[in-house]
Amino acid sequence: MLKNYEPRNSDEKIGEFERIMVEAVDDGLNILGETVKATLLLLIKEQFHIDKHEIPKKPKEFSLALKSILGNGGEKFVENLIVRNLYAKLGLGTPEVNREFHEYIFEARRKITLI
């Protein structure tokens, strides 16, 4: 007898969200070019102690690191790219406006883990 399909548990959903988030970060940073992206991620790792795979768990710290390195305008531009990529990959439509980066991330995580 076949078992009924059971929905994925919340740990699997969170793991999948984090994988997609890292992809969205990677895609968003691609606008800077490979060399600048690699340098930026290295600076964030060395100066702010955030590895790329930790960004989904530390979105506020990642945002502060971007702001420190890129300035307010550069940070917002990159964050918007990341958020749009993330929401598109997750099928969440267009994100609301005038939110902080970490708020977008926490909201997306909440929506995905409830599905």
PDB file of N, CA and C in Angstrom:
ATOM      1  N   MET A   1       0.849  -1.186   0.000  1.00  0.00           N
ATOM      2  CA  MET A   1       0.000   0.000   0.000  1.00  0.00           C
ATOM      3  C   MET A   1       0.892   1.246   0.000  1.00  0.00           C
ATOM      4  N   LEU A   2       0.530   2.227  -0.820  1.00  0.00           N
ATOM      5  CA  LEU A   2       1.288   3.472  -0.912  1.00  0.00           C
ATOM      6  C   LEU A   2       0.872   4.421   0.202  1.00  0.00           C
ATOM      7  N   LYS A   3       1.849   5.067   0.751  1.00  0.00           N
ATOM      8  CA  LYS A   3       1.555   6.087   1.758  1.00  0.00           C
ATOM      9  C   LYS A   3       0.992   7.315   1.062  1.00  0.00           C
ATOM     10  N   ASN A   4       0.121   8.007   1.745  1.00  0.00           N
ATOM     11  CA  ASN A   4      -0.372   9.292   1.228  1.00  0.00           C
ATOM     12  C   ASN A   4       0.772  10.293   1.233  1.00  0.00           C
ATOM     13  N   TYR A   5       0.741  11.175   0.264  1.00  0.00           N
ATOM     14  CA  TYR A   5       1.761  12.224   0.217  1.00  0.00           C
ATOM     15  C   TYR A   5       1.545  13.164   1.389  1.00  0.00           C
ATOM     16  N   GLU A   6       2.617  13.437   2.101  1.00  0.00           N
ATOM     17  CA  GLU A   6       2.549  14.396   3.207  1.00  0.00           C
ATOM     18  C   GLU A   6       3.283  15.661   2.803  1.00  0.00           C
ATOM     19  N   PRO A   7       2.735  16.821   3.116  1.00  0.00           N
ATOM     20  CA  PRO A   7       3.435  18.068   2.792  1.00  0.00           C
ATOM     21  C   PRO A   7       4.780  18.106   3.498  1.00  0.00           C
ATOM     22  N   ARG A   8       5.680  18.831   2.891  1.00  0.00           N
ATOM     23  CA  ARG A   8       7.001  18.983   3.499  1.00  0.00           C
ATOM     24  C   ARG A   8       6.860  19.640   4.860  1.00  0.00           C
ATOM     25  N   ASN A   9       7.771  19.273   5.755  1.00  0.00           N
ATOM     26  CA  ASN A   9       7.712  19.888   7.077  1.00  0.00           C
ATOM     27  C   ASN A   9       8.320  21.290   7.034  1.00  0.00           C
ATOM     28  N   SER A  10       8.175  21.998   8.120  1.00  0.00           N
ATOM     29  CA  SER A  10       8.617  23.401   8.127  1.00  0.00           C
ATOM     30  C   SER A  10      10.139  23.521   7.991  1.00  0.00           C
ATOM     31  N   ASP A  11      10.899  22.556   8.522  1.00  0.00           N
ATOM     32  CA  ASP A  11      12.353  22.611   8.368  1.00  0.00           C
ATOM     33  C   ASP A  11      12.751  22.511   6.898  1.00  0.00           C
ATOM     34  N   GLU A  12      12.077  21.642   6.149  1.00  0.00           N
ATOM     35  CA  GLU A  12      12.365  21.519   4.719  1.00  0.00           C
ATOM     36  C   GLU A  12      11.982  22.792   3.979  1.00  0.00           C
ATOM     37  N   LYS A  13      10.866  23.387   4.359  1.00  0.00           N
ATOM     38  CA  LYS A  13      10.431  24.636   3.728  1.00  0.00           C
ATOM     39  C   LYS A  13      11.434  25.760   4.001  1.00  0.00           C
ATOM     40  N   ILE A  14      11.914  25.827   5.239  1.00  0.00           N
ATOM     41  CA  ILE A  14      12.893  26.858   5.587  1.00  0.00           C
ATOM     42  C   ILE A  14      14.188  26.629   4.824  1.00  0.00           C
ATOM     43  N   GLY A  15      14.627  25.385   4.741  1.00  0.00           N
ATOM     44  CA  GLY A  15      15.838  25.066   3.986  1.00  0.00           C
ATOM     45  C   GLY A  15      15.706  25.448   2.521  1.00  0.00           C
ATOM     46  N   GLU A  16      14.555  25.164   1.932  1.00  0.00           N
ATOM     47  CA  GLU A  16      14.316  25.528   0.534  1.00  0.00           C
ATOM     48  C   GLU A  16      14.272  27.041   0.377  1.00  0.00           C
ATOM     49  N   PHE A  17      13.623  27.729   1.313  1.00  0.00           N
ATOM     50  CA  PHE A  17      13.589  29.191   1.280  1.00  0.00           C
ATOM     51  C   PHE A  17      15.009  29.756   1.315  1.00  0.00           C
ATOM     52  N   GLU A  18      15.832  29.242   2.210  1.00  0.00           N
ATOM     53  CA  GLU A  18      17.194  29.751   2.348  1.00  0.00           C
ATOM     54  C   GLU A  18      18.013  29.497   1.089  1.00  0.00           C
ATOM     55  N   ARG A  19      17.832  28.350   0.456  1.00  0.00           N
ATOM     56  CA  ARG A  19      18.531  28.052  -0.797  1.00  0.00           C
ATOM     57  C   ARG A  19      18.129  29.046  -1.887  1.00  0.00           C
ATOM     58  N   ILE A  20      16.833  29.303  -1.993  1.00  0.00           N
ATOM     59  CA  ILE A  20      16.330  30.244  -2.999  1.00  0.00           C
ATOM     60  C   ILE A  20      16.784  31.659  -2.674  1.00  0.00           C
ATOM     61  N   MET A  21      16.826  32.007  -1.408  1.00  0.00           N
ATOM     62  CA  MET A  21      17.293  33.338  -0.990  1.00  0.00           C
ATOM     63  C   MET A  21      18.745  33.549  -1.402  1.00  0.00           C
ATOM     64  N   VAL A  22      19.591  32.545  -1.193  1.00  0.00           N
ATOM     65  CA  VAL A  22      20.997  32.653  -1.585  1.00  0.00           C
ATOM     66  C   VAL A  22      21.095  32.825  -3.104  1.00  0.00           C
ATOM     67  N   GLU A  23      20.266  32.107  -3.857  1.00  0.00           N
ATOM     68  CA  GLU A  23      20.223  32.276  -5.318  1.00  0.00           C
ATOM     69  C   GLU A  23      19.825  33.702  -5.692  1.00  0.00           C
ATOM     70  N   ALA A  24      18.822  34.243  -4.994  1.00  0.00           N
ATOM     71  CA  ALA A  24      18.349  35.600  -5.274  1.00  0.00           C
ATOM     72  C   ALA A  24      19.437  36.630  -4.970  1.00  0.00           C
ATOM     73  N   VAL A  25      20.177  36.413  -3.907  1.00  0.00           N
ATOM     74  CA  VAL A  25      21.302  37.297  -3.566  1.00  0.00           C
ATOM     75  C   VAL A  25      22.342  37.223  -4.676  1.00  0.00           C
ATOM     76  N   ASP A  26      22.680  36.014  -5.077  1.00  0.00           N
ATOM     77  CA  ASP A  26      23.663  35.811  -6.136  1.00  0.00           C
ATOM     78  C   ASP A  26      23.219  36.502  -7.425  1.00  0.00           C
ATOM     79  N   ASP A  27      21.951  36.303  -7.791  1.00  0.00           N
ATOM     80  CA  ASP A  27      21.411  36.940  -9.002  1.00  0.00           C
ATOM     81  C   ASP A  27      21.418  38.460  -8.890  1.00  0.00           C
ATOM     82  N   GLY A  28      21.036  38.971  -7.735  1.00  0.00           N
ATOM     83  CA  GLY A  28      21.008  40.418  -7.537  1.00  0.00           C
ATOM     84  C   GLY A  28      22.383  41.048  -7.605  1.00  0.00           C
ATOM     85  N   LEU A  29      23.376  40.359  -7.069  1.00  0.00           N
ATOM     86  CA  LEU A  29      24.739  40.885  -7.078  1.00  0.00           C
ATOM     87  C   LEU A  29      25.405  40.742  -8.450  1.00  0.00           C
ATOM     88  N   ASN A  30      24.838  39.914  -9.315  1.00  0.00           N
ATOM     89  CA  ASN A  30      25.409  39.744 -10.660  1.00  0.00           C
ATOM     90  C   ASN A  30      25.453  41.056 -11.443  1.00  0.00           C
ATOM     91  N   ILE A  31      24.580  41.987 -11.108  1.00  0.00           N
ATOM     92  CA  ILE A  31      24.545  43.279 -11.802  1.00  0.00           C
ATOM     93  C   ILE A  31      25.879  44.009 -11.638  1.00  0.00           C
ATOM     94  N   LEU A  32      26.602  43.691 -10.573  1.00  0.00           N
ATOM     95  CA  LEU A  32      27.879  44.341 -10.285  1.00  0.00           C
ATOM     96  C   LEU A  32      29.037  43.717 -11.051  1.00  0.00           C
ATOM     97  N   GLY A  33      28.807  42.557 -11.660  1.00  0.00           N
ATOM     98  CA  GLY A  33      29.871  41.829 -12.339  1.00  0.00           C
ATOM     99  C   GLY A  33      30.481  40.805 -11.393  1.00  0.00           C
ATOM    100  N   GLU A  34      31.058  39.767 -11.963  1.00  0.00           N
ATOM    101  CA  GLU A  34      31.601  38.660 -11.156  1.00  0.00           C
ATOM    102  C   GLU A  34      32.699  39.102 -10.194  1.00  0.00           C
ATOM    103  N   THR A  35      33.626  39.922 -10.664  1.00  0.00           N
ATOM    104  CA  THR A  35      34.749  40.328  -9.819  1.00  0.00           C
ATOM    105  C   THR A  35      34.274  41.177  -8.642  1.00  0.00           C
ATOM    106  N   VAL A  36      33.405  42.142  -8.911  1.00  0.00           N
ATOM    107  CA  VAL A  36      32.897  43.005  -7.837  1.00  0.00           C
ATOM    108  C   VAL A  36      32.029  42.198  -6.884  1.00  0.00           C
ATOM    109  N   LYS A  37      31.198  41.292  -7.423  1.00  0.00           N
ATOM    110  CA  LYS A  37      30.362  40.440  -6.577  1.00  0.00           C
ATOM    111  C   LYS A  37      31.233  39.610  -5.636  1.00  0.00           C
ATOM    112  N   ALA A  38      32.253  38.956  -6.179  1.00  0.00           N
ATOM    113  CA  ALA A  38      33.141  38.130  -5.359  1.00  0.00           C
ATOM    114  C   ALA A  38      33.851  38.959  -4.298  1.00  0.00           C
ATOM    115  N   THR A  39      34.305  40.154  -4.673  1.00  0.00           N
ATOM    116  CA  THR A  39      34.983  41.044  -3.732  1.00  0.00           C
ATOM    117  C   THR A  39      34.030  41.492  -2.633  1.00  0.00           C
ATOM    118  N   LEU A  40      32.817  41.860  -3.012  1.00  0.00           N
ATOM    119  CA  LEU A  40      31.816  42.295  -2.045  1.00  0.00           C
ATOM    120  C   LEU A  40      31.501  41.182  -1.048  1.00  0.00           C
ATOM    121  N   LEU A  41      31.275  39.974  -1.541  1.00  0.00           N
ATOM    122  CA  LEU A  41      30.980  38.852  -0.654  1.00  0.00           C
ATOM    123  C   LEU A  41      32.161  38.537   0.263  1.00  0.00           C
ATOM    124  N   LEU A  42      33.370  38.683  -0.242  1.00  0.00           N
ATOM    125  CA  LEU A  42      34.565  38.466   0.575  1.00  0.00           C
ATOM    126  C   LEU A  42      34.668  39.522   1.672  1.00  0.00           C
ATOM    127  N   LEU A  43      34.423  40.784   1.322  1.00  0.00           N
ATOM    128  CA  LEU A  43      34.442  41.859   2.332  1.00  0.00           C
ATOM    129  C   LEU A  43      33.385  41.621   3.409  1.00  0.00           C
ATOM    130  N   ILE A  44      32.200  41.205   2.979  1.00  0.00           N
ATOM    131  CA  ILE A  44      31.117  40.946   3.935  1.00  0.00           C
ATOM    132  C   ILE A  44      31.496  39.789   4.855  1.00  0.00           C
ATOM    133  N   LYS A  45      32.137  38.785   4.295  1.00  0.00           N
ATOM    134  CA  LYS A  45      32.565  37.641   5.105  1.00  0.00           C
ATOM    135  C   LYS A  45      33.664  38.040   6.086  1.00  0.00           C
ATOM    136  N   GLU A  46      34.662  38.760   5.596  1.00  0.00           N
ATOM    137  CA  GLU A  46      35.805  39.104   6.445  1.00  0.00           C
ATOM    138  C   GLU A  46      35.513  40.215   7.448  1.00  0.00           C
ATOM    139  N   GLN A  47      34.809  41.254   7.013  1.00  0.00           N
ATOM    140  CA  GLN A  47      34.590  42.400   7.895  1.00  0.00           C
ATOM    141  C   GLN A  47      33.343  42.274   8.760  1.00  0.00           C
ATOM    142  N   PHE A  48      32.333  41.541   8.260  1.00  0.00           N
ATOM    143  CA  PHE A  48      31.058  41.472   8.979  1.00  0.00           C
ATOM    144  C   PHE A  48      30.724  40.056   9.445  1.00  0.00           C
ATOM    145  N   HIS A  49      31.581  39.105   9.107  1.00  0.00           N
ATOM    146  CA  HIS A  49      31.439  37.715   9.548  1.00  0.00           C
ATOM    147  C   HIS A  49      30.112  37.091   9.108  1.00  0.00           C
ATOM    148  N   ILE A  50      29.741  37.359   7.850  1.00  0.00           N
ATOM    149  CA  ILE A  50      28.524  36.793   7.286  1.00  0.00           C
ATOM    150  C   ILE A  50      28.905  36.052   6.015  1.00  0.00           C
ATOM    151  N   ASP A  51      28.800  34.722   6.055  1.00  0.00           N
ATOM    152  CA  ASP A  51      28.990  33.921   4.851  1.00  0.00           C
ATOM    153  C   ASP A  51      27.736  34.027   3.991  1.00  0.00           C
ATOM    154  N   LYS A  52      27.899  33.768   2.709  1.00  0.00           N
ATOM    155  CA  LYS A  52      26.760  33.888   1.788  1.00  0.00           C
ATOM    156  C   LYS A  52      25.586  33.015   2.240  1.00  0.00           C
ATOM    157  N   HIS A  53      25.863  31.819   2.714  1.00  0.00           N
ATOM    158  CA  HIS A  53      24.778  30.921   3.123  1.00  0.00           C
ATOM    159  C   HIS A  53      24.090  31.377   4.418  1.00  0.00           C
ATOM    160  N   GLU A  54      24.674  32.340   5.139  1.00  0.00           N
ATOM    161  CA  GLU A  54      24.077  32.860   6.369  1.00  0.00           C
ATOM    162  C   GLU A  54      23.168  34.064   6.120  1.00  0.00           C
ATOM    163  N   ILE A  55      23.209  34.619   4.926  1.00  0.00           N
ATOM    164  CA  ILE A  55      22.437  35.833   4.631  1.00  0.00           C
ATOM    165  C   ILE A  55      20.948  35.652   4.918  1.00  0.00           C
ATOM    166  N   PRO A  56      20.322  34.512   4.559  1.00  0.00           N
ATOM    167  CA  PRO A  56      18.892  34.367   4.873  1.00  0.00           C
ATOM    168  C   PRO A  56      18.576  34.447   6.365  1.00  0.00           C
ATOM    169  N   LYS A  57      19.538  34.097   7.197  1.00  0.00           N
ATOM    170  CA  LYS A  57      19.327  34.147   8.647  1.00  0.00           C
ATOM    171  C   LYS A  57      19.738  35.490   9.249  1.00  0.00           C
ATOM    172  N   LYS A  58      20.491  36.275   8.471  1.00  0.00           N
ATOM    173  CA  LYS A  58      20.998  37.555   8.969  1.00  0.00           C
ATOM    174  C   LYS A  58      20.731  38.680   7.965  1.00  0.00           C
ATOM    175  N   PRO A  59      19.478  38.855   7.549  1.00  0.00           N
ATOM    176  CA  PRO A  59      19.220  39.876   6.521  1.00  0.00           C
ATOM    177  C   PRO A  59      19.486  41.301   6.993  1.00  0.00           C
ATOM    178  N   LYS A  60      19.245  41.586   8.261  1.00  0.00           N
ATOM    179  CA  LYS A  60      19.480  42.941   8.760  1.00  0.00           C
ATOM    180  C   LYS A  60      20.979  43.244   8.776  1.00  0.00           C
ATOM    181  N   GLU A  61      21.767  42.279   9.226  1.00  0.00           N
ATOM    182  CA  GLU A  61      23.212  42.450   9.265  1.00  0.00           C
ATOM    183  C   GLU A  61      23.786  42.564   7.850  1.00  0.00           C
ATOM    184  N   PHE A  62      23.244  41.767   6.928  1.00  0.00           N
ATOM    185  CA  PHE A  62      23.667  41.830   5.534  1.00  0.00           C
ATOM    186  C   PHE A  62      23.371  43.209   4.955  1.00  0.00           C
ATOM    187  N   SER A  63      22.199  43.747   5.253  1.00  0.00           N
ATOM    188  CA  SER A  63      21.817  45.067   4.778  1.00  0.00           C
ATOM    189  C   SER A  63      22.765  46.136   5.319  1.00  0.00           C
ATOM    190  N   LEU A  64      23.102  46.046   6.589  1.00  0.00           N
ATOM    191  CA  LEU A  64      24.042  47.004   7.180  1.00  0.00           C
ATOM    192  C   LEU A  64      25.422  46.893   6.534  1.00  0.00           C
ATOM    193  N   ALA A  65      25.833  45.670   6.218  1.00  0.00           N
ATOM    194  CA  ALA A  65      27.121  45.470   5.546  1.00  0.00           C
ATOM    195  C   ALA A  65      27.102  46.096   4.157  1.00  0.00           C
ATOM    196  N   LEU A  66      26.019  45.878   3.413  1.00  0.00           N
ATOM    197  CA  LEU A  66      25.896  46.489   2.084  1.00  0.00           C
ATOM    198  C   LEU A  66      25.954  48.006   2.179  1.00  0.00           C
ATOM    199  N   LYS A  67      25.243  48.553   3.149  1.00  0.00           N
ATOM    200  CA  LYS A  67      25.216  50.010   3.315  1.00  0.00           C
ATOM    201  C   LYS A  67      26.601  50.545   3.648  1.00  0.00           C
ATOM    202  N   SER A  68      27.319  49.833   4.483  1.00  0.00           N
ATOM    203  CA  SER A  68      28.664  50.252   4.861  1.00  0.00           C
ATOM    204  C   SER A  68      29.609  50.252   3.664  1.00  0.00           C
ATOM    205  N   ILE A  69      29.458  49.265   2.793  1.00  0.00           N
ATOM    206  CA  ILE A  69      30.366  49.119   1.656  1.00  0.00           C
ATOM    207  C   ILE A  69      29.918  49.944   0.450  1.00  0.00           C
ATOM    208  N   LEU A  70      28.626  49.917   0.142  1.00  0.00           N
ATOM    209  CA  LEU A  70      28.114  50.540  -1.089  1.00  0.00           C
ATOM    210  C   LEU A  70      27.504  51.918  -0.882  1.00  0.00           C
ATOM    211  N   GLY A  71      27.267  52.302   0.364  1.00  0.00           N
ATOM    212  CA  GLY A  71      26.560  53.552   0.627  1.00  0.00           C
ATOM    213  C   GLY A  71      25.062  53.327   0.538  1.00  0.00           C
ATOM    214  N   ASN A  72      24.291  54.307   0.961  1.00  0.00           N
ATOM    215  CA  ASN A  72      22.833  54.147   1.033  1.00  0.00           C
ATOM    216  C   ASN A  72      22.197  53.891  -0.326  1.00  0.00           C
ATOM    217  N   GLY A  73      22.586  54.636  -1.343  1.00  0.00           N
ATOM    218  CA  GLY A  73      21.989  54.453  -2.673  1.00  0.00           C
ATOM    219  C   GLY A  73      22.331  53.115  -3.288  1.00  0.00           C
ATOM    220  N   GLY A  74      23.599  52.713  -3.185  1.00  0.00           N
ATOM    221  CA  GLY A  74      24.027  51.431  -3.731  1.00  0.00           C
ATOM    222  C   GLY A  74      23.389  50.263  -3.005  1.00  0.00           C
ATOM    223  N   GLU A  75      23.295  50.392  -1.704  1.00  0.00           N
ATOM    224  CA  GLU A  75      22.677  49.353  -0.881  1.00  0.00           C
ATOM    225  C   GLU A  75      21.220  49.156  -1.280  1.00  0.00           C
ATOM    226  N   LYS A  76      20.468  50.237  -1.391  1.00  0.00           N
ATOM    227  CA  LYS A  76      19.040  50.140  -1.735  1.00  0.00           C
ATOM    228  C   LYS A  76      18.841  49.535  -3.126  1.00  0.00           C
ATOM    229  N   PHE A  77      19.684  49.931  -4.068  1.00  0.00           N
ATOM    230  CA  PHE A  77      19.590  49.402  -5.428  1.00  0.00           C
ATOM    231  C   PHE A  77      19.782  47.889  -5.430  1.00  0.00           C
ATOM    232  N   VAL A  78      20.823  47.412  -4.783  1.00  0.00           N
ATOM    233  CA  VAL A  78      21.112  45.972  -4.741  1.00  0.00           C
ATOM    234  C   VAL A  78      20.031  45.230  -3.957  1.00  0.00           C
ATOM    235  N   GLU A  79      19.607  45.792  -2.845  1.00  0.00           N
ATOM    236  CA  GLU A  79      18.550  45.146  -2.060  1.00  0.00           C
ATOM    237  C   GLU A  79      17.265  44.998  -2.861  1.00  0.00           C
ATOM    238  N   ASN A  80      16.900  46.034  -3.605  1.00  0.00           N
ATOM    239  CA  ASN A  80      15.688  45.948  -4.420  1.00  0.00           C
ATOM    240  C   ASN A  80      15.791  44.845  -5.462  1.00  0.00           C
ATOM    241  N   LEU A  81      16.955  44.706  -6.079  1.00  0.00           N
ATOM    242  CA  LEU A  81      17.160  43.618  -7.039  1.00  0.00           C
ATOM    243  C   LEU A  81      17.007  42.258  -6.366  1.00  0.00           C
ATOM    244  N   ILE A  82      17.602  42.114  -5.205  1.00  0.00           N
ATOM    245  CA  ILE A  82      17.527  40.849  -4.479  1.00  0.00           C
ATOM    246  C   ILE A  82      16.085  40.530  -4.105  1.00  0.00           C
ATOM    247  N   VAL A  83      15.377  41.504  -3.568  1.00  0.00           N
ATOM    248  CA  VAL A  83      13.985  41.285  -3.144  1.00  0.00           C
ATOM    249  C   VAL A  83      13.113  40.921  -4.344  1.00  0.00           C
ATOM    250  N   ARG A  84      13.259  41.644  -5.447  1.00  0.00           N
ATOM    251  CA  ARG A  84      12.459  41.318  -6.645  1.00  0.00           C
ATOM    252  C   ARG A  84      12.775  39.915  -7.143  1.00  0.00           C
ATOM    253  N   ASN A  85      14.060  39.550  -7.167  1.00  0.00           N
ATOM    254  CA  ASN A  85      14.441  38.191  -7.567  1.00  0.00           C
ATOM    255  C   ASN A  85      13.852  37.148  -6.634  1.00  0.00           C
ATOM    256  N   LEU A  86      13.943  37.393  -5.344  1.00  0.00           N
ATOM    257  CA  LEU A  86      13.427  36.449  -4.355  1.00  0.00           C
ATOM    258  C   LEU A  86      11.922  36.252  -4.515  1.00  0.00           C
ATOM    259  N   TYR A  87      11.184  37.341  -4.571  1.00  0.00           N
ATOM    260  CA  TYR A  87       9.731  37.238  -4.681  1.00  0.00           C
ATOM    261  C   TYR A  87       9.324  36.553  -5.985  1.00  0.00           C
ATOM    262  N   ALA A  88      10.036  36.830  -7.066  1.00  0.00           N
ATOM    263  CA  ALA A  88       9.728  36.178  -8.347  1.00  0.00           C
ATOM    264  C   ALA A  88      10.004  34.678  -8.255  1.00  0.00           C
ATOM    265  N   LYS A  89      11.136  34.294  -7.688  1.00  0.00           N
ATOM    266  CA  LYS A  89      11.493  32.875  -7.564  1.00  0.00           C
ATOM    267  C   LYS A  89      10.497  32.121  -6.687  1.00  0.00           C
ATOM    268  N   LEU A  90       9.949  32.801  -5.687  1.00  0.00           N
ATOM    269  CA  LEU A  90       9.006  32.174  -4.768  1.00  0.00           C
ATOM    270  C   LEU A  90       7.561  32.273  -5.239  1.00  0.00           C
ATOM    271  N   GLY A  91       7.332  33.015  -6.327  1.00  0.00           N
ATOM    272  CA  GLY A  91       5.974  33.181  -6.841  1.00  0.00           C
ATOM    273  C   GLY A  91       5.105  34.036  -5.943  1.00  0.00           C
ATOM    274  N   LEU A  92       5.709  35.017  -5.300  1.00  0.00           N
ATOM    275  CA  LEU A  92       4.977  35.867  -4.353  1.00  0.00           C
ATOM    276  C   LEU A  92       4.491  37.177  -4.966  1.00  0.00           C
ATOM    277  N   GLY A  93       4.695  37.367  -6.251  1.00  0.00           N
ATOM    278  CA  GLY A  93       4.245  38.592  -6.894  1.00  0.00           C
ATOM    279  C   GLY A  93       5.156  39.760  -6.577  1.00  0.00           C
ATOM    280  N   THR A  94       4.610  40.943  -6.695  1.00  0.00           N
ATOM    281  CA  THR A  94       5.379  42.168  -6.475  1.00  0.00           C
ATOM    282  C   THR A  94       5.407  42.498  -4.987  1.00  0.00           C
ATOM    283  N   PRO A  95       6.595  42.741  -4.443  1.00  0.00           N
ATOM    284  CA  PRO A  95       6.666  43.094  -3.015  1.00  0.00           C
ATOM    285  C   PRO A  95       6.085  44.477  -2.753  1.00  0.00           C
ATOM    286  N   GLU A  96       5.592  44.647  -1.536  1.00  0.00           N
ATOM    287  CA  GLU A  96       5.082  45.957  -1.130  1.00  0.00           C
ATOM    288  C   GLU A  96       6.228  46.958  -1.128  1.00  0.00           C
ATOM    289  N   VAL A  97       5.886  48.213  -1.203  1.00  0.00           N
ATOM    290  CA  VAL A  97       6.927  49.250  -1.219  1.00  0.00           C
ATOM    291  C   VAL A  97       7.158  49.809   0.178  1.00  0.00           C
ATOM    292  N   ASN A  98       8.294  50.477   0.328  1.00  0.00           N
ATOM    293  CA  ASN A  98       8.653  51.198   1.558  1.00  0.00           C
ATOM    294  C   ASN A  98       8.814  50.307   2.783  1.00  0.00           C
ATOM    295  N   ARG A  99       9.459  49.175   2.575  1.00  0.00           N
ATOM    296  CA  ARG A  99       9.793  48.314   3.699  1.00  0.00           C
ATOM    297  C   ARG A  99      11.312  48.190   3.763  1.00  0.00           C
ATOM    298  N   GLU A 100      11.783  47.815   4.900  1.00  0.00           N
ATOM    299  CA  GLU A 100      13.206  47.556   5.064  1.00  0.00           C
ATOM    300  C   GLU A 100      13.525  46.174   4.492  1.00  0.00           C
ATOM    301  N   PHE A 101      14.767  45.992   4.062  1.00  0.00           N
ATOM    302  CA  PHE A 101      15.187  44.744   3.434  1.00  0.00           C
ATOM    303  C   PHE A 101      14.828  43.532   4.302  1.00  0.00           C
ATOM    304  N   HIS A 102      15.183  43.581   5.579  1.00  0.00           N
ATOM    305  CA  HIS A 102      14.921  42.432   6.452  1.00  0.00           C
ATOM    306  C   HIS A 102      13.427  42.166   6.604  1.00  0.00           C
ATOM    307  N   GLU A 103      12.596  43.191   6.506  1.00  0.00           N
ATOM    308  CA  GLU A 103      11.150  42.992   6.594  1.00  0.00           C
ATOM    309  C   GLU A 103      10.640  42.210   5.383  1.00  0.00           C
ATOM    310  N   TYR A 104      11.161  42.537   4.202  1.00  0.00           N
ATOM    311  CA  TYR A 104      10.806  41.757   3.005  1.00  0.00           C
ATOM    312  C   TYR A 104      11.189  40.298   3.182  1.00  0.00           C
ATOM    313  N   ILE A 105      12.368  40.056   3.706  1.00  0.00           N
ATOM    314  CA  ILE A 105      12.871  38.697   3.850  1.00  0.00           C
ATOM    315  C   ILE A 105      12.043  37.933   4.873  1.00  0.00           C
ATOM    316  N   PHE A 106      11.782  38.530   6.010  1.00  0.00           N
ATOM    317  CA  PHE A 106      10.986  37.852   7.032  1.00  0.00           C
ATOM    318  C   PHE A 106       9.559  37.591   6.536  1.00  0.00           C
ATOM    319  N   GLU A 107       8.999  38.523   5.797  1.00  0.00           N
ATOM    320  CA  GLU A 107       7.645  38.338   5.257  1.00  0.00           C
ATOM    321  C   GLU A 107       7.618  37.200   4.241  1.00  0.00           C
ATOM    322  N   ALA A 108       8.604  37.161   3.353  1.00  0.00           N
ATOM    323  CA  ALA A 108       8.669  36.079   2.372  1.00  0.00           C
ATOM    324  C   ALA A 108       8.838  34.735   3.079  1.00  0.00           C
ATOM    325  N   ARG A 109       9.716  34.672   4.056  1.00  0.00           N
ATOM    326  CA  ARG A 109       9.917  33.433   4.822  1.00  0.00           C
ATOM    327  C   ARG A 109       8.613  32.988   5.487  1.00  0.00           C
ATOM    328  N   ARG A 110       7.913  33.933   6.089  1.00  0.00           N
ATOM    329  CA  ARG A 110       6.651  33.621   6.758  1.00  0.00           C
ATOM    330  C   ARG A 110       5.640  33.044   5.769  1.00  0.00           C
ATOM    331  N   LYS A 111       5.514  33.693   4.617  1.00  0.00           N
ATOM    332  CA  LYS A 111       4.558  33.216   3.616  1.00  0.00           C
ATOM    333  C   LYS A 111       4.901  31.823   3.113  1.00  0.00           C
ATOM    334  N   ILE A 112       6.161  31.567   2.889  1.00  0.00           N
ATOM    335  CA  ILE A 112       6.592  30.273   2.349  1.00  0.00           C
ATOM    336  C   ILE A 112       6.450  29.166   3.389  1.00  0.00           C
ATOM    337  N   THR A 113       6.744  29.446   4.627  1.00  0.00           N
ATOM    338  CA  THR A 113       6.651  28.395   5.633  1.00  0.00           C
ATOM    339  C   THR A 113       5.211  28.079   6.001  1.00  0.00           C
ATOM    340  N   LEU A 114       4.277  28.958   5.678  1.00  0.00           N
ATOM    341  CA  LEU A 114       2.869  28.688   5.930  1.00  0.00           C
ATOM    342  C   LEU A 114       2.226  27.860   4.819  1.00  0.00           C
ATOM    343  N   ILE A 115       2.867  27.826   3.658  1.00  0.00           N
ATOM    344  CA  ILE A 115       2.283  27.108   2.514  1.00  0.00           C
ATOM    345  C   ILE A 115       2.353  25.623   2.766  1.00  0.00           C
TER     346      ILE A 115
END
